[in-house]
Structures are given as C-alpha cells and as structure tokens.
Amino acid sequence: MTEQIVILDFGSQYTQVIARRIREAQVYSSILAFHTPAREIARLRPRGLILSGGPSSVYASEAPLPDPAIFELGVPILGICYGVQLFAQFLGGKVEPGEKREYGKGTLTVTDRSSPLFRRLPRTLQVWNSHGDKLTRLPAGFRPAARTENSEYAAIADARRQFYGIQFHPEVVHTPRGKEVLSNFVHGICGCGRHWTMRHYRDLAIEQIRAQVGGERVILGLSGGVDSSVAAALLHRAIGEQLTCIFVNNGLLRAREPEVVREVFGRHFQIRLHYANAAAKFLRPLRGVTDPERKRKLIGRTFIQVFEDALRHVGKAKFLAQGTLYPDVIESVPIAGNPAALIKSHHNVGGLPKKMRLQLVEPLRCLFKDEVRLLGQELGLPEELVWRQPFPGPGLAVRIIGAVTPRRLEILRRADAIVVEEMKATGWYRKIWQSFAVLLPVKSVGVMGDERTYDYTIAVRAVESQDGMTADWVRLPYPLLEKLASRIINEVQGVNRCVFDITSKPPGTIEWE
C-alpha cells in the first residue's frame, strides 16, 4: 500500500463509514484507535490523517485524546465534528457548549471561497450535524472557512500546516456533497492518486498469498457465502492445486446451496473440493432442542468434528484460510457513554486453528463487504454468489423458532426460496441487506378451499443495514408483500398464515434467534 489515509477513531458510530468513503475515492484507508502513538502512525507513512467524531466533549475529564505528537507529523489533518474540537484543545482555541445544539439537516455557507476543501462546490451546501458543543475561539493560525446558522466556525483551516476542521459529517448520505469534500481532502490536499481498485488489490493479494504460503497446502472451509467464496477464488488464482476447499452440508442450508457450490467451485473453477454430506450428524443432536444458544453450540461442536474428519480425508496442510473481513479485525476502543463503540474480536472458524495448529491465511482482512463483492466480480464469480445476502453460520436452525425437524426444515426451505425468488424478480434483493423467512412455532386456524386447516405461520423479514450492527425494517411495496404471502401459503404445504416483521435493530435483532 503506497498511499493511505489513517483515521483515528474517537468512538463515532460513523468511523467505518468514513473509511469506506475514502476507499470509494480510490484511496486506501485504515482505522486506528485514538490513542495510537504518533511514532506508530508515522511508520505507516500516511498521506493524511482524519480525526473522527465521537460522543464526548473535549473538555470532559475522561475525554478521549490523541498523542499530541500527531500534530507534528507534517501531514494534512482533517478533523470531523469532535475531531475539529481537538484542534482547539491542543492548539490553543476554545470549545464551549452551544446555546443551540445542532442535530440533523443544516445549511452550510462557505465564507472562504478559496478553501481547497470546498473546491468546485457551491456557496451553500446541505449538511448533517450531530453536536452540542462548538468552537468559540479559533486556535492560532486558523481562519474560518464556512458557517452555519448557529456556528460561525462550522469549517476552519490553517492552510500553512494543512489542518482543516469541519463541524458537520461529510461521510453520511444526509450530506449530499460530502463525498466531494472528502475527495478534495484526500486528492487535492493530501495529493493521493486513485490507485485503490479491486484489480490492484487482486494482484497485490496474489503476491502476498504466494509469499506467505510458498509451496505449502492450504485448507479453506467453504460455506457458500460471499466471503468464503471470494477467498476461495482468490486463493485458487494465487496457488492453484495447493488449495483444497472443504464444503460441509449440515442439512441446514438454503435450497439448492450444495448443488450451486459444487457446480461453481468443483466443475467450473476446477478447485479441489471435498464435499462432506453430514446432515444426519448435525440433525441428530438437535432433536428436541429449543434453546437458541444450545442450538448454536451443538452445531459448532458438530462442525469441528466433521471438519476434523474431512481433514483426515484430504491430508495434511500447513495453512487454514478464512474469509475474515476488515470490520472483524478493527479494534474500536470503548468510550464511556457510547454504545456504538465495540471491540471487534478477531474471529476464527469454530476454534479450529488453536485445535489443529494451522497457520492462518486471511486474504480479505483489509476489505469491507462491498469491496469483497467487487473483488468477486473481478475474479469472475457468478452474480448469484457475489450478491448473496448474509446467512447465519448455524443456517436455517436459527430461523426455526423451537425444535428443528426434517419436516420443519423442508417447510422453511421452500418458503425461504420463494422469498429469495420474488425479491430477485422485483429487484429488491440487491437493494437491501437481508431478506428471509422464519418459521414460527405458532399454528393457527385457516380455511383453504372447503377445508379447515391448522398449520404453521411464516414471518417474512427484510432489513436495511450498513454493517449488521444496526438495522431498519424495509418498507416493501404492498403488491410484493401480497405476492409473497400468496405464494408461500399456496405453495408451501403446512403453512396457512404469513406475517411481516416490522422490528428494527435495536430493539430486536436481525435474526430471530
């Protein structure tokens, strides 16, 4: 990575969004904890720094503060919201509670038309604010660049040191021209090129995989989801027959999933694929189990046993590959009062590396989900796999509320296939984060033809999200909901009622279990 922008995270719920916007501008970005020492940042040789927003006040006793030496690194710095207040805290300005807090849409008026931050932008912009504090005295060397109704210092600049601060959030969709503000910073001020593309990353990752693996064999647990599928295609492009994929059919998969995976990877890509049909082994211990956490643990335990058995068939390997993504390895330091600041733990598949002493290969660990999809397209994966929605590791077991049985699995599998089919047919499948069916342990009276029925209820779930941490239910059109309910009730034997879940996360979760 020859060029990158480093983002220091002060607990903003938008930090990952900032990183993604920078990458959309074709510049690599990385997120570090706010207290990362300046000497460590310097070793990365960033072209610029961004100080994120956050829930704290800079004058609070336990406010998260950076290493003061970051202001001596000699690189351009952009402070966003809380980040701009750090300039005042460290460079001699003043921050106070605002008489009027600014939350939501606002109008920004650019007062310094020569500012490179607002190059080729109109004099007034719609922006998104989220702050109660404001600058009341500028640090030495800074000049105002823009104002809002309640703040005369909504954007400030020290052109000599290339320090820029903005009180609004350019990274969110509610600031329509925000991407251009960020582009002006990374391209115009930091001087970055447009080198971060998935073709560039593909070539770089192939080199890195070959250097790490050498002539050793690699095992990959292939689930059929986007991440493991893209990892498999990338690894195969890099090391060919040194890669062996293990696909475990746990009997809890979606309709046609085993057939699609075997067709794409075994026959089309000619990847060494070991298929373990272990449905009976997974379903046996699940008999009568209704507790969601116990279901997950039993499935995880069985997976390790089946995977170990598969390894004995495919032979020894030195490396285990995983589809770990960047959000899974970012460490965001929890900050008091900020529920969005979570520690993301590095996840291993079922604890396998520790148990088997395999070294990890994680070729996607610096990518976001949308970048993984783009990489999949670059590698020639079919659209069906590249744009597949997230699917839980325990499969349909956590979408059956109550005990898992072969009959209930078949009911849910057929209902879910209808949801997927109709969402794709209407174009909604690729517009949203997730859509699926849930089988409820609720039977109700119905009338079908001249017969009285007493059958199950299917709940349809459709949510929009950026990263799965929060989600809002999708307002699907009534004709689509009507079509879903009609098809599920008419085509899935054992179902006579269909409901639509309108719960957001929080307070609910995306999955029901």
Protein backbone atom coordinates (compact mmCIF):
# COMPACT_ATOMS: atom_id res chain seq x y z
CA MET A 1 0.00 0.00 0.00
CA THR A 2 1.96 3.03 -1.20
CA GLU A 3 -0.67 5.61 -0.27
CA GLN A 4 -3.10 5.60 2.61
CA ILE A 5 -5.17 7.83 4.86
CA VAL A 6 -5.18 6.93 8.57
CA ILE A 7 -8.40 7.52 10.53
CA LEU A 8 -8.16 7.86 14.31
CA ASP A 9 -11.35 6.55 15.94
CA PHE A 10 -12.74 8.60 18.83
CA GLY A 11 -15.86 6.49 19.19
CA SER A 12 -18.01 7.76 16.34
CA GLN A 13 -20.72 5.47 15.03
CA TYR A 14 -19.64 6.68 11.56
CA THR A 15 -15.92 5.84 11.68
CA GLN A 16 -16.25 2.83 9.38
CA VAL A 17 -18.37 4.92 7.03
CA ILE A 18 -15.54 7.47 6.78
CA ALA A 19 -13.11 4.67 5.87
CA ARG A 20 -15.45 3.35 3.20
CA ARG A 21 -15.97 6.80 1.69
CA ILE A 22 -12.20 7.26 1.39
CA ARG A 23 -11.91 3.91 -0.36
CA GLU A 24 -14.75 4.86 -2.69
CA ALA A 25 -12.47 7.75 -3.68
CA GLN A 26 -9.95 5.01 -4.66
CA VAL A 27 -7.59 5.71 -1.77
CA TYR A 28 -6.73 3.06 0.84
CA SER A 29 -7.80 3.91 4.40
CA SER A 30 -7.17 2.27 7.76
CA ILE A 31 -8.72 2.81 11.19
CA LEU A 32 -6.61 3.05 14.36
CA ALA A 33 -7.58 3.61 17.99
CA PHE A 34 -7.49 7.27 19.04
CA HIS A 35 -4.55 6.75 21.43
CA THR A 36 -2.24 5.13 18.84
CA PRO A 37 1.25 6.67 19.39
CA ALA A 38 2.36 9.12 16.71
CA ARG A 39 5.51 7.08 16.08
CA GLU A 40 3.37 4.06 15.09
CA ILE A 41 1.30 6.21 12.76
CA ALA A 42 4.49 7.64 11.22
CA ARG A 43 5.70 4.11 10.41
CA LEU A 44 2.66 3.69 8.15
CA ARG A 45 3.73 6.79 6.19
CA PRO A 46 0.17 8.10 5.69
CA ARG A 47 -0.52 10.87 3.22
CA GLY A 48 -3.01 12.36 5.69
CA LEU A 49 -4.90 11.89 8.97
CA ILE A 50 -8.61 12.11 9.73
CA LEU A 51 -9.81 12.61 13.31
CA SER A 52 -13.27 11.06 13.63
CA GLY A 53 -16.25 12.37 15.52
CA GLY A 54 -17.27 10.98 18.88
CA PRO A 55 -19.81 11.25 21.71
CA SER A 56 -17.55 13.04 24.20
CA SER A 57 -16.79 16.68 24.92
CA VAL A 58 -13.12 17.60 24.62
CA TYR A 59 -13.25 19.48 27.92
CA ALA A 60 -14.65 16.47 29.84
CA SER A 61 -12.33 14.86 32.40
CA GLU A 62 -12.32 11.47 30.65
CA ALA A 63 -12.41 12.72 27.06
CA PRO A 64 -10.51 10.51 24.58
CA LEU A 65 -7.43 12.45 23.48
CA PRO A 66 -4.75 11.57 20.90
CA ASP A 67 -0.99 11.63 21.21
CA PRO A 68 -0.21 15.39 20.88
CA ALA A 69 2.69 14.50 18.60
CA ILE A 70 0.25 13.73 15.75
CA PHE A 71 0.16 17.46 15.09
CA GLU A 72 3.91 17.36 14.41
CA LEU A 73 3.83 14.57 11.81
CA GLY A 74 3.89 17.04 8.94
CA VAL A 75 0.87 15.56 7.12
CA PRO A 76 -2.50 17.16 6.38
CA ILE A 77 -5.15 16.57 9.05
CA LEU A 78 -8.94 16.73 8.75
CA GLY A 79 -10.93 16.93 11.97
CA ILE A 80 -14.61 15.94 11.76
CA CYS A 81 -17.02 17.16 14.49
CA TYR A 82 -15.26 16.04 17.71
CA GLY A 83 -12.11 15.95 15.61
CA VAL A 84 -12.28 19.68 14.88
CA GLN A 85 -12.64 20.40 18.59
CA LEU A 86 -9.35 18.60 19.19
CA PHE A 87 -7.58 21.36 17.25
CA ALA A 88 -8.89 23.83 19.82
CA GLN A 89 -7.95 21.57 22.72
CA PHE A 90 -4.34 21.09 21.61
CA LEU A 91 -3.58 24.21 19.58
CA GLY A 92 -4.99 26.99 21.73
CA GLY A 93 -8.64 27.53 20.75
CA LYS A 94 -11.75 27.19 22.89
CA VAL A 95 -14.77 24.86 22.85
CA GLU A 96 -17.95 25.50 24.81
CA PRO A 97 -21.48 24.09 24.95
CA GLY A 98 -23.58 25.68 22.22
CA GLU A 99 -26.63 27.75 23.12
CA LYS A 100 -28.45 25.79 20.44
CA ARG A 101 -27.49 22.22 19.67
CA GLU A 102 -27.26 21.22 16.00
CA TYR A 103 -28.68 17.80 15.16
CA GLY A 104 -29.94 16.79 11.74
CA LYS A 105 -30.03 18.73 8.49
CA GLY A 106 -28.44 22.15 8.28
CA THR A 107 -27.25 24.67 5.73
CA LEU A 108 -23.54 25.39 5.43
CA THR A 109 -22.43 28.66 3.90
CA VAL A 110 -18.86 28.70 2.57
CA THR A 111 -17.22 32.01 3.56
CA ASP A 112 -13.75 31.33 2.16
CA ARG A 113 -14.26 30.51 -1.50
CA SER A 114 -10.53 29.86 -1.93
CA SER A 115 -10.54 26.95 0.54
CA PRO A 116 -9.33 23.75 -1.18
CA LEU A 117 -11.74 21.77 1.00
CA PHE A 118 -14.71 23.27 -0.87
CA ARG A 119 -13.17 23.39 -4.34
CA ARG A 120 -15.79 23.19 -7.12
CA LEU A 121 -18.63 23.20 -4.57
CA PRO A 122 -21.45 25.76 -4.34
CA ARG A 123 -21.50 28.54 -1.77
CA THR A 124 -24.29 26.82 0.22
CA LEU A 125 -24.47 23.10 1.00
CA GLN A 126 -26.90 20.84 2.79
CA VAL A 127 -25.03 19.11 5.63
CA TRP A 128 -25.74 16.76 8.53
CA ASN A 129 -24.90 17.96 12.04
CA SER A 130 -24.66 15.99 15.26
CA HIS A 131 -23.15 18.07 18.02
CA GLY A 132 -23.93 20.13 21.10
CA ASP A 133 -20.52 21.81 21.55
CA LYS A 134 -19.00 24.40 19.24
CA LEU A 135 -15.81 26.39 18.73
CA THR A 136 -15.95 29.83 20.30
CA ARG A 137 -12.31 30.83 19.73
CA LEU A 138 -10.08 29.69 16.88
CA PRO A 139 -6.62 28.25 17.53
CA ALA A 140 -3.67 30.37 16.38
CA GLY A 141 -3.10 30.16 12.63
CA PHE A 142 -6.66 29.11 11.77
CA ARG A 143 -9.18 31.08 9.73
CA PRO A 144 -12.93 30.48 9.34
CA ALA A 145 -13.93 28.79 6.08
CA ALA A 146 -17.68 28.20 6.50
CA ARG A 147 -20.53 28.86 8.90
CA THR A 148 -23.99 27.59 9.80
CA GLU A 149 -26.90 29.40 11.40
CA ASN A 150 -25.67 28.57 14.90
CA SER A 151 -21.89 28.42 14.37
CA GLU A 152 -19.59 30.93 12.72
CA TYR A 153 -16.77 28.35 12.76
CA ALA A 154 -18.52 25.39 11.09
CA ALA A 155 -15.36 24.89 8.97
CA ILE A 156 -11.87 26.18 9.78
CA ALA A 157 -8.47 25.97 8.08
CA ASP A 158 -4.80 26.51 8.73
CA ALA A 159 -3.50 26.50 5.17
CA ARG A 160 0.17 26.66 6.18
CA ARG A 161 0.07 23.46 8.25
CA GLN A 162 -2.73 21.96 6.12
CA PHE A 163 -5.02 21.45 9.11
CA TYR A 164 -8.75 21.51 8.31
CA GLY A 165 -11.75 21.10 10.55
CA ILE A 166 -15.46 20.69 9.83
CA GLN A 167 -18.28 20.57 12.37
CA PHE A 168 -20.61 18.55 10.09
CA HIS A 169 -20.41 14.92 8.92
CA PRO A 170 -19.39 14.65 5.24
CA GLU A 171 -19.41 10.85 5.30
CA VAL A 172 -23.18 10.32 5.75
CA VAL A 173 -25.70 10.24 2.92
CA HIS A 174 -27.54 13.17 4.52
CA THR A 175 -24.65 15.41 3.38
CA PRO A 176 -25.25 15.02 -0.39
CA ARG A 177 -21.96 16.64 -1.49
CA GLY A 178 -19.94 15.17 1.39
CA LYS A 179 -18.06 12.71 -0.82
CA GLU A 180 -16.68 15.69 -2.77
CA VAL A 181 -15.48 17.34 0.45
CA LEU A 182 -13.61 14.16 1.39
CA SER A 183 -12.29 13.81 -2.16
CA ASN A 184 -10.99 17.37 -2.03
CA PHE A 185 -9.11 16.47 1.15
CA VAL A 186 -7.57 13.17 0.04
CA HIS A 187 -6.87 14.11 -3.59
CA GLY A 188 -6.47 17.88 -3.59
CA ILE A 189 -4.89 18.47 -0.18
CA CYS A 190 -3.13 15.15 0.57
CA GLY A 191 -2.16 14.60 -3.07
CA CYS A 192 -3.30 10.97 -3.23
CA GLY A 193 -3.82 9.28 -6.57
CA ARG A 194 -6.64 6.87 -7.43
CA HIS A 195 -4.78 3.59 -7.04
CA TRP A 196 -7.06 1.64 -4.69
CA THR A 197 -9.04 -0.60 -7.04
CA MET A 198 -10.03 -4.24 -6.72
CA ARG A 199 -7.89 -5.13 -9.73
CA HIS A 200 -4.90 -3.58 -7.98
CA TYR A 201 -5.80 -5.34 -4.74
CA ARG A 202 -6.28 -8.67 -6.52
CA ASP A 203 -2.76 -8.54 -7.95
CA LEU A 204 -1.25 -7.40 -4.65
CA ALA A 205 -3.11 -10.07 -2.64
CA ILE A 206 -1.98 -12.82 -5.02
CA GLU A 207 1.65 -11.80 -4.50
CA GLN A 208 1.18 -11.72 -0.71
CA ILE A 209 -0.53 -15.14 -0.64
CA ARG A 210 2.27 -16.72 -2.68
CA ALA A 211 4.91 -15.15 -0.44
CA GLN A 212 3.18 -16.37 2.75
CA VAL A 213 2.25 -19.86 1.61
CA GLY A 214 5.21 -20.82 -0.56
CA GLY A 215 4.75 -24.42 -1.67
CA GLU A 216 2.58 -25.50 1.29
CA ARG A 217 -1.03 -26.71 1.14
CA VAL A 218 -3.97 -24.57 2.27
CA ILE A 219 -7.37 -25.70 3.57
CA LEU A 220 -10.44 -23.47 3.33
CA GLY A 221 -13.82 -24.13 4.92
CA LEU A 222 -16.18 -23.15 2.10
CA SER A 223 -19.67 -22.18 3.26
CA GLY A 224 -21.14 -20.91 0.00
CA GLY A 225 -21.41 -17.37 1.40
CA VAL A 226 -19.81 -14.34 -0.24
CA ASP A 227 -16.71 -14.10 1.96
CA SER A 228 -15.54 -17.72 1.79
CA SER A 229 -16.44 -17.92 -1.92
CA VAL A 230 -14.35 -14.87 -2.82
CA ALA A 231 -11.49 -16.08 -0.60
CA ALA A 232 -11.59 -19.45 -2.37
CA ALA A 233 -11.50 -17.88 -5.84
CA LEU A 234 -8.64 -15.55 -4.86
CA LEU A 235 -6.58 -18.31 -3.26
CA HIS A 236 -7.12 -20.60 -6.23
CA ARG A 237 -5.96 -17.85 -8.58
CA ALA A 238 -2.81 -17.49 -6.42
CA ILE A 239 -1.83 -21.09 -5.61
CA GLY A 240 -3.97 -23.38 -7.76
CA GLU A 241 -3.95 -27.02 -6.65
CA GLN A 242 -2.26 -26.20 -3.35
CA LEU A 243 -5.75 -25.18 -2.18
CA THR A 244 -8.34 -27.68 -1.01
CA CYS A 245 -11.83 -26.49 -0.04
CA ILE A 246 -14.00 -28.40 2.40
CA PHE A 247 -17.73 -27.89 1.98
CA VAL A 248 -19.86 -29.25 4.82
CA ASN A 249 -23.52 -29.89 4.13
CA ASN A 250 -25.02 -29.63 7.60
CA GLY A 251 -28.59 -30.20 6.41
CA LEU A 252 -29.43 -26.64 7.46
CA LEU A 253 -28.66 -24.92 4.16
CA ARG A 254 -30.84 -22.96 1.77
CA ALA A 255 -32.48 -24.52 -1.27
CA ARG A 256 -30.01 -25.69 -3.94
CA GLU A 257 -27.00 -24.47 -1.96
CA PRO A 258 -25.00 -27.73 -2.11
CA GLU A 259 -25.64 -28.06 -5.85
CA VAL A 260 -24.60 -24.45 -6.59
CA VAL A 261 -21.37 -24.68 -4.58
CA ARG A 262 -20.34 -27.99 -6.15
CA GLU A 263 -21.16 -26.74 -9.64
CA VAL A 264 -19.35 -23.39 -9.34
CA PHE A 265 -16.24 -24.43 -7.46
CA GLY A 266 -15.86 -28.08 -8.33
CA ARG A 267 -16.80 -28.14 -12.00
CA HIS A 268 -16.49 -24.52 -13.19
CA PHE A 269 -13.40 -23.29 -11.30
CA GLN A 270 -11.86 -26.78 -11.07
CA ILE A 271 -10.99 -26.21 -7.40
CA ARG A 272 -10.16 -29.26 -5.30
CA LEU A 273 -13.40 -29.65 -3.35
CA HIS A 274 -14.13 -32.16 -0.61
CA TYR A 275 -17.88 -32.48 -0.09
CA ALA A 276 -18.93 -33.73 3.35
CA ASN A 277 -22.63 -34.62 3.45
CA ALA A 278 -23.16 -34.65 7.21
CA ALA A 279 -26.84 -33.68 7.52
CA ALA A 280 -27.70 -36.65 9.74
CA LYS A 281 -24.78 -35.92 12.09
CA PHE A 282 -26.00 -32.36 12.63
CA LEU A 283 -29.71 -33.09 12.95
CA ARG A 284 -29.36 -35.96 15.43
CA PRO A 285 -28.12 -33.89 18.44
CA LEU A 286 -30.63 -31.11 17.63
CA ARG A 287 -33.67 -33.32 18.29
CA GLY A 288 -35.95 -31.62 20.79
CA VAL A 289 -33.56 -28.70 21.39
CA THR A 290 -35.35 -25.33 21.52
CA ASP A 291 -32.85 -23.02 23.24
CA PRO A 292 -31.14 -20.86 20.57
CA GLU A 293 -27.75 -20.75 22.27
CA ARG A 294 -27.70 -24.51 22.79
CA LYS A 295 -28.54 -24.99 19.11
CA ARG A 296 -25.57 -22.84 18.10
CA LYS A 297 -23.18 -24.67 20.42
CA LEU A 298 -24.28 -28.11 19.25
CA ILE A 299 -23.93 -27.09 15.60
CA GLY A 300 -20.49 -25.57 16.27
CA ARG A 301 -19.31 -28.69 18.10
CA THR A 302 -20.54 -30.98 15.33
CA PHE A 303 -18.91 -28.78 12.70
CA ILE A 304 -15.49 -29.21 14.33
CA GLN A 305 -15.94 -32.99 14.44
CA VAL A 306 -17.00 -33.14 10.78
CA PHE A 307 -14.21 -30.78 9.71
CA GLU A 308 -11.59 -32.86 11.56
CA ASP A 309 -12.89 -35.98 9.87
CA ALA A 310 -12.73 -34.23 6.47
CA LEU A 311 -9.12 -33.20 7.11
CA ARG A 312 -8.16 -36.84 7.53
CA HIS A 313 -9.55 -37.50 4.06
CA VAL A 314 -7.86 -34.57 2.30
CA GLY A 315 -4.46 -34.94 4.00
CA LYS A 316 -2.13 -32.66 5.91
CA ALA A 317 -1.90 -28.92 5.36
CA LYS A 318 0.06 -26.10 6.98
CA PHE A 319 -2.42 -23.26 6.50
CA LEU A 320 -6.11 -22.65 7.17
CA ALA A 321 -7.69 -19.88 5.09
CA GLN A 322 -10.55 -17.73 6.38
CA GLY A 323 -12.79 -15.07 4.89
CA THR A 324 -12.14 -12.62 7.73
CA LEU A 325 -13.12 -9.05 6.78
CA TYR A 326 -11.82 -5.67 7.97
CA PRO A 327 -14.75 -4.89 10.33
CA ASP A 328 -13.94 -8.15 12.15
CA VAL A 329 -10.38 -7.09 13.00
CA ILE A 330 -10.83 -3.38 13.77
CA GLU A 331 -10.35 -2.69 17.45
CA SER A 332 -12.56 0.24 18.44
CA VAL A 333 -11.78 1.33 21.98
CA PRO A 334 -14.96 1.54 24.09
CA ILE A 335 -15.63 5.11 25.16
CA ALA A 336 -17.87 5.94 28.09
CA GLY A 337 -21.41 6.76 27.04
CA ASN A 338 -21.01 5.48 23.51
CA PRO A 339 -22.99 2.29 22.81
CA ALA A 340 -21.68 2.19 19.22
CA ALA A 341 -18.05 1.72 20.30
CA LEU A 342 -17.49 -2.02 20.45
CA ILE A 343 -14.41 -4.21 20.49
CA LYS A 344 -14.49 -6.39 17.41
CA SER A 345 -12.72 -9.62 18.26
CA HIS A 346 -10.69 -11.48 15.66
CA HIS A 347 -12.84 -14.46 14.76
CA ASN A 348 -11.58 -17.94 13.96
CA VAL A 349 -13.82 -20.56 12.40
CA GLY A 350 -15.04 -22.78 15.22
CA GLY A 351 -11.75 -22.54 17.13
CA LEU A 352 -10.08 -24.71 14.52
CA PRO A 353 -6.64 -23.02 14.27
CA LYS A 354 -5.97 -23.38 18.02
CA LYS A 355 -7.04 -27.02 18.00
CA MET A 356 -5.23 -28.05 14.85
CA ARG A 357 -2.17 -25.80 14.95
CA LEU A 358 -2.75 -24.45 11.49
CA GLN A 359 -1.41 -21.07 10.44
CA LEU A 360 -3.95 -18.56 9.21
CA VAL A 361 -4.24 -17.09 5.74
CA GLU A 362 -6.71 -14.19 5.63
CA PRO A 363 -6.62 -12.61 2.17
CA LEU A 364 -9.68 -10.39 2.74
CA ARG A 365 -8.82 -8.99 6.16
CA CYS A 366 -8.40 -5.40 4.96
CA LEU A 367 -11.61 -5.29 2.89
CA PHE A 368 -15.14 -4.14 3.63
CA LYS A 369 -18.10 -6.25 2.48
CA ASP A 370 -18.86 -4.11 -0.56
CA GLU A 371 -15.20 -4.36 -1.62
CA VAL A 372 -15.34 -8.15 -1.29
CA ARG A 373 -18.26 -8.23 -3.72
CA LEU A 374 -16.31 -6.08 -6.19
CA LEU A 375 -13.33 -8.40 -5.84
CA GLY A 376 -15.60 -11.37 -6.50
CA GLN A 377 -16.73 -9.76 -9.74
CA GLU A 378 -13.09 -9.09 -10.65
CA LEU A 379 -12.35 -12.79 -10.10
CA GLY A 380 -15.23 -13.90 -12.33
CA LEU A 381 -17.55 -15.34 -9.69
CA PRO A 382 -21.20 -15.63 -10.80
CA GLU A 383 -23.63 -12.90 -9.73
CA GLU A 384 -25.62 -15.42 -7.67
CA LEU A 385 -22.68 -15.87 -5.30
CA VAL A 386 -21.25 -12.34 -5.38
CA TRP A 387 -24.53 -10.71 -4.36
CA ARG A 388 -25.71 -13.39 -1.95
CA GLN A 389 -27.15 -11.90 1.22
CA PRO A 390 -25.65 -12.75 4.64
CA PHE A 391 -26.62 -16.15 6.02
CA PRO A 392 -26.06 -17.30 9.63
CA GLY A 393 -23.43 -19.95 10.31
CA PRO A 394 -25.95 -22.28 12.04
CA GLY A 395 -28.12 -21.95 8.95
CA LEU A 396 -31.88 -22.47 9.00
CA ALA A 397 -31.69 -23.85 12.55
CA VAL A 398 -31.80 -20.29 13.93
CA ARG A 399 -34.69 -19.37 11.64
CA ILE A 400 -36.82 -22.19 13.02
CA ILE A 401 -38.13 -21.00 16.36
CA GLY A 402 -38.32 -24.08 18.53
CA ALA A 403 -37.19 -27.61 17.71
CA VAL A 404 -35.53 -28.41 14.39
CA THR A 405 -37.05 -31.33 12.48
CA PRO A 406 -36.70 -32.52 8.88
CA ARG A 407 -40.31 -31.51 8.13
CA ARG A 408 -39.90 -28.02 9.58
CA LEU A 409 -36.66 -27.59 7.66
CA GLU A 410 -38.39 -28.51 4.42
CA ILE A 411 -41.25 -26.06 5.11
CA LEU A 412 -38.84 -23.23 5.84
CA ARG A 413 -36.54 -24.06 2.94
CA ARG A 414 -39.43 -23.84 0.48
CA ALA A 415 -40.78 -20.62 1.99
CA ASP A 416 -37.36 -19.01 2.01
CA ALA A 417 -36.78 -19.96 -1.63
CA ILE A 418 -39.97 -18.10 -2.54
CA VAL A 419 -38.80 -15.01 -0.64
CA VAL A 420 -35.45 -15.06 -2.46
CA GLU A 421 -37.10 -15.67 -5.85
CA GLU A 422 -39.61 -12.81 -5.51
CA MET A 423 -37.07 -10.36 -4.06
CA LYS A 424 -34.77 -11.02 -7.01
CA ALA A 425 -37.59 -10.82 -9.56
CA THR A 426 -38.60 -7.37 -8.29
CA GLY A 427 -35.05 -6.02 -7.92
CA TRP A 428 -35.26 -5.71 -4.15
CA TYR A 429 -32.76 -8.47 -3.36
CA ARG A 430 -29.68 -6.38 -4.21
CA LYS A 431 -31.11 -3.15 -2.80
CA ILE A 432 -31.19 -4.27 0.84
CA TRP A 433 -29.03 -6.03 3.43
CA GLN A 434 -31.12 -9.13 4.06
CA SER A 435 -34.49 -10.75 3.40
CA PHE A 436 -35.62 -14.19 4.53
CA ALA A 437 -38.37 -16.36 6.02
CA VAL A 438 -38.71 -17.50 9.62
CA LEU A 439 -40.80 -20.49 10.74
CA LEU A 440 -42.74 -19.72 13.92
CA PRO A 441 -43.84 -22.34 16.44
CA VAL A 442 -47.36 -20.98 16.08
CA LYS A 443 -50.25 -22.82 14.49
CA SER A 444 -53.50 -21.10 13.65
CA VAL A 445 -56.85 -21.96 12.11
CA GLY A 446 -57.31 -21.31 8.42
CA VAL A 447 -59.68 -22.13 5.61
CA MET A 448 -58.25 -23.40 2.33
CA GLY A 449 -60.91 -24.32 -0.19
CA ASP A 450 -63.66 -26.11 1.71
CA GLU A 451 -61.28 -27.47 4.33
CA ARG A 452 -60.40 -26.18 7.75
CA THR A 453 -56.63 -26.13 8.39
CA TYR A 454 -54.45 -25.84 11.46
CA ASP A 455 -50.96 -25.03 10.18
CA TYR A 456 -47.78 -23.05 10.78
CA THR A 457 -47.05 -19.31 10.42
CA ILE A 458 -44.20 -17.90 8.34
CA ALA A 459 -42.72 -14.50 9.19
CA VAL A 460 -41.01 -12.54 6.40
CA ARG A 461 -38.07 -10.35 7.45
CA ALA A 462 -36.47 -7.62 5.31
CA VAL A 463 -33.92 -5.16 6.72
CA GLU A 464 -31.58 -2.42 5.54
CA SER A 465 -28.18 -2.04 7.20
CA GLN A 466 -24.60 -0.92 6.56
CA ASP A 467 -22.74 -3.48 8.67
CA GLY A 468 -25.35 -5.52 10.53
CA MET A 469 -24.75 -3.71 13.84
CA THR A 470 -27.94 -1.69 13.46
CA ALA A 471 -30.78 -2.23 11.00
CA ASP A 472 -34.15 -0.82 9.98
CA TRP A 473 -37.03 -2.80 8.53
CA VAL A 474 -37.65 -2.23 4.82
CA ARG A 475 -40.93 -0.75 3.63
CA LEU A 476 -41.59 -3.31 0.90
CA PRO A 477 -44.39 -2.44 -1.53
CA TYR A 478 -47.81 -3.88 -0.68
CA PRO A 479 -48.11 -5.75 -4.00
CA LEU A 480 -44.81 -7.55 -3.24
CA LEU A 481 -45.94 -8.44 0.29
CA GLU A 482 -49.21 -9.71 -1.14
CA LYS A 483 -47.34 -11.86 -3.69
CA LEU A 484 -45.03 -13.29 -1.02
CA ALA A 485 -47.89 -14.22 1.30
CA SER A 486 -49.99 -15.67 -1.52
CA ARG A 487 -47.20 -17.85 -2.90
CA ILE A 488 -45.98 -19.08 0.49
CA ILE A 489 -49.46 -20.05 1.68
CA ASN A 490 -50.44 -21.66 -1.63
CA GLU A 491 -47.17 -23.42 -2.47
CA VAL A 492 -45.77 -24.49 0.91
CA GLN A 493 -47.70 -27.34 2.42
CA GLY A 494 -48.07 -26.91 6.17
CA VAL A 495 -48.39 -23.09 6.15
CA ASN A 496 -51.67 -21.16 6.24
CA ARG A 497 -50.61 -17.75 7.54
CA CYS A 498 -47.89 -15.20 6.69
CA VAL A 499 -46.82 -12.13 8.72
CA PHE A 500 -44.30 -9.31 8.06
CA ASP A 501 -41.74 -8.34 10.74
CA ILE A 502 -41.52 -4.55 11.24
CA THR A 503 -38.98 -4.57 14.10
CA SER A 504 -35.75 -2.59 13.79
CA LYS A 505 -32.39 -3.37 15.42
CA PRO A 506 -32.36 -2.27 18.20
CA PRO A 507 -34.59 -3.22 19.96
CA GLY A 508 -34.77 -6.51 18.04
CA THR A 509 -32.03 -8.42 16.27
CA ILE A 510 -31.85 -9.14 12.55
CA GLU A 511 -32.19 -12.88 13.07
CA TRP A 512 -34.91 -14.16 15.39
CA GLU A 513 -32.56 -16.41 17.37
